[in-house]
Amino acid sequence: MNSAYLSLGSNIGNSKENILKAYEIIESNNIKIIKKSSFYETDPYGYEDQDVFVNSVIKIETELNPYELLEICHVVEKELKRKRIIHWGPRTIDVDVLLFNDIIMNEEFLIIPHKEMTKRAFVLVPLLEINSEIEINGKKAKDIIKNIDIDGVRLIDDKL
């Protein structure tokens, strides 16, 4: 059984509902959600002229390999009608593979650990909520987050 972490974010429509629907689609594809973070309201990253996001992180178990898991992430985005118009722009849902077992890979369409996760408070805050001892590239996430501004990440809901 493989263990992985996924980041989910939304800022179009009912963002919490979009993430809850994404959980359902993920679980309907032979993936077991082990832990869910709380929901966090987060300021936009990159392209800032857009609504705030709702973000969460989940820990999953699956028999899928990393490429198959990435394909399920794309299925979720397609089913929830994500449109890729502006880089880092508004979206109904975004699902990213953050970590997969202890795999380190740098392929054209899949980089694990996710190449931007150590710079993003909206990923690290919910990730640390569900695993306070997690390491990324041999570094403790709780040490990495000390060098990141987390003011734009606000708890909005307890775990569901």
Protein backbone atom coordinates (compact mmCIF):
# COMPACT_ATOMS: atom_id res chain seq x y z
CA MET A 1 0.00 0.00 0.00
CA ASN A 2 1.26 3.46 -0.93
CA SER A 3 0.93 6.55 1.21
CA ALA A 4 0.64 10.02 -0.29
CA TYR A 5 -0.40 13.56 0.51
CA LEU A 6 -2.58 15.69 -1.75
CA SER A 7 -3.25 19.42 -1.62
CA LEU A 8 -6.68 20.70 -2.66
CA GLY A 9 -7.68 24.29 -3.31
CA SER A 10 -10.64 26.19 -4.73
CA ASN A 11 -11.78 29.79 -5.16
CA ILE A 12 -14.66 29.58 -7.65
CA GLY A 13 -18.19 28.80 -6.51
CA ASN A 14 -18.71 27.14 -3.14
CA SER A 15 -15.09 26.30 -2.43
CA LYS A 16 -15.72 24.05 0.58
CA GLU A 17 -18.35 22.13 -1.37
CA ASN A 18 -15.93 21.76 -4.30
CA ILE A 19 -13.31 20.26 -2.00
CA LEU A 20 -15.86 17.92 -0.41
CA LYS A 21 -16.92 16.75 -3.89
CA ALA A 22 -13.24 16.23 -4.75
CA TYR A 23 -12.89 14.00 -1.65
CA GLU A 24 -15.82 11.90 -2.90
CA ILE A 25 -14.35 11.52 -6.38
CA ILE A 26 -10.96 10.61 -4.94
CA GLU A 27 -12.49 7.93 -2.71
CA SER A 28 -14.56 6.55 -5.59
CA ASN A 29 -11.30 5.73 -7.39
CA ASN A 30 -9.96 3.10 -4.97
CA ILE A 31 -8.20 5.65 -2.81
CA LYS A 32 -8.67 5.73 0.95
CA ILE A 33 -8.50 9.10 2.70
CA ILE A 34 -6.70 8.52 6.00
CA LYS A 35 -6.58 12.09 7.35
CA LYS A 36 -8.09 15.43 6.34
CA SER A 37 -6.86 18.81 7.46
CA SER A 38 -9.20 21.57 8.47
CA PHE A 39 -10.22 24.07 5.81
CA TYR A 40 -8.10 27.20 5.54
CA GLU A 41 -8.90 30.47 3.84
CA THR A 42 -5.77 31.60 2.04
CA ASP A 43 -4.71 34.67 0.12
CA PRO A 44 -3.99 34.08 -3.58
CA TYR A 45 -0.45 33.05 -4.50
CA GLY A 46 1.24 34.19 -7.70
CA TYR A 47 -1.66 35.87 -9.51
CA GLU A 48 -3.19 38.02 -6.76
CA ASP A 49 -6.15 39.67 -8.56
CA GLN A 50 -8.66 36.97 -7.57
CA ASP A 51 -10.78 35.77 -4.66
CA VAL A 52 -9.30 34.07 -1.62
CA PHE A 53 -8.91 30.30 -1.74
CA VAL A 54 -10.07 27.52 0.51
CA ASN A 55 -7.32 24.92 0.93
CA SER A 56 -6.89 21.57 2.61
CA VAL A 57 -4.44 18.67 2.60
CA ILE A 58 -5.29 14.99 2.82
CA LYS A 59 -3.27 11.89 3.53
CA ILE A 60 -4.27 8.93 1.41
CA GLU A 61 -3.51 5.25 0.94
CA THR A 62 -3.68 3.69 -2.50
CA GLU A 63 -2.49 0.83 -4.64
CA LEU A 64 -1.97 3.32 -7.49
CA ASN A 65 1.49 4.39 -8.62
CA PRO A 66 2.38 8.11 -8.74
CA TYR A 67 1.39 8.50 -12.41
CA GLU A 68 -1.96 6.80 -11.86
CA LEU A 69 -2.57 9.04 -8.85
CA LEU A 70 -1.77 12.11 -10.93
CA GLU A 71 -4.30 10.91 -13.50
CA ILE A 72 -6.97 10.69 -10.76
CA CYS A 73 -6.10 14.27 -9.75
CA HIS A 74 -6.78 15.30 -13.35
CA VAL A 75 -10.05 13.34 -13.35
CA VAL A 76 -11.17 15.26 -10.25
CA GLU A 77 -10.29 18.58 -11.88
CA LYS A 78 -12.11 17.62 -15.08
CA GLU A 79 -15.25 16.44 -13.24
CA LEU A 80 -15.35 19.69 -11.27
CA LYS A 81 -14.88 21.67 -14.50
CA ARG A 82 -11.50 23.26 -13.82
CA LYS A 83 -10.43 25.60 -16.59
CA ARG A 84 -6.76 26.51 -17.02
CA ILE A 85 -6.92 30.09 -18.29
CA ILE A 86 -4.52 32.11 -16.10
CA HIS A 87 -1.39 30.57 -14.55
CA TRP A 88 -2.06 30.41 -10.78
CA GLY A 89 -5.48 31.89 -11.56
CA PRO A 90 -8.98 31.18 -10.28
CA ARG A 91 -10.17 27.57 -10.30
CA THR A 92 -13.05 25.40 -9.16
CA ILE A 93 -10.53 22.86 -7.88
CA ASP A 94 -6.81 22.21 -7.92
CA VAL A 95 -5.47 18.85 -6.76
CA ASP A 96 -1.70 18.39 -6.44
CA VAL A 97 0.38 15.39 -5.44
CA LEU A 98 2.67 16.67 -2.70
CA LEU A 99 4.43 13.53 -1.47
CA PHE A 100 4.29 9.85 -2.41
CA ASN A 101 5.96 7.37 -0.05
CA ASP A 102 9.62 8.41 0.07
CA ILE A 103 9.86 8.83 -3.69
CA ILE A 104 11.93 11.63 -5.15
CA MET A 105 11.30 12.15 -8.85
CA ASN A 106 11.70 14.96 -11.33
CA GLU A 107 9.82 14.08 -14.51
CA GLU A 108 8.34 16.43 -17.08
CA PHE A 109 4.77 16.09 -15.78
CA LEU A 110 5.34 14.93 -12.20
CA ILE A 111 7.76 16.21 -9.59
CA ILE A 112 7.73 14.62 -6.13
CA PRO A 113 8.02 16.19 -3.63
CA HIS A 114 5.96 18.95 -5.26
CA LYS A 115 8.53 21.53 -6.35
CA GLU A 116 6.76 24.56 -4.82
CA MET A 117 5.40 23.09 -1.60
CA THR A 118 8.21 24.33 0.66
CA LYS A 119 7.43 27.92 -0.39
CA ARG A 120 3.68 27.75 0.15
CA ALA A 121 2.16 28.35 3.56
CA PHE A 122 -1.25 27.25 2.22
CA VAL A 123 0.27 23.79 1.75
CA LEU A 124 2.55 23.57 4.78
CA VAL A 125 0.06 24.78 7.41
CA PRO A 126 -2.59 22.11 6.68
CA LEU A 127 0.09 19.48 6.02
CA LEU A 128 1.62 20.08 9.44
CA GLU A 129 -1.83 19.92 11.00
CA ILE A 130 -2.22 16.30 9.91
CA ASN A 131 1.44 15.29 10.33
CA SER A 132 3.54 17.50 12.58
CA GLU A 133 6.65 15.37 12.06
CA ILE A 134 6.64 15.15 8.26
CA GLU A 135 9.86 15.68 6.35
CA ILE A 136 10.35 17.07 2.87
CA ASN A 137 13.64 16.27 1.15
CA GLY A 138 15.14 15.31 4.51
CA LYS A 139 14.10 18.54 6.23
CA LYS A 140 11.39 18.80 8.86
CA ALA A 141 8.42 20.75 7.57
CA LYS A 142 8.04 22.41 10.98
CA ASP A 143 11.52 23.91 10.46
CA ILE A 144 10.83 24.91 6.85
CA ILE A 145 7.67 26.80 7.81
CA LYS A 146 9.61 29.00 10.25
CA ASN A 147 10.99 30.87 7.21
CA ILE A 148 7.62 31.42 5.53
CA ASP A 149 5.01 34.13 6.11
CA ILE A 150 1.87 32.31 7.28
CA ASP A 151 -0.28 35.41 7.88
CA GLY A 152 -2.27 34.77 4.69
CA VAL A 153 -3.48 31.36 5.96
CA ARG A 154 -6.48 31.46 8.28
CA LEU A 155 -8.34 28.52 9.86
CA ILE A 156 -11.99 28.69 8.82
CA ASP A 157 -13.39 25.31 9.71
CA ASP A 158 -12.61 22.36 11.90
CA LYS A 159 -12.01 18.93 10.45
CA LEU A 160 -15.00 17.34 8.79
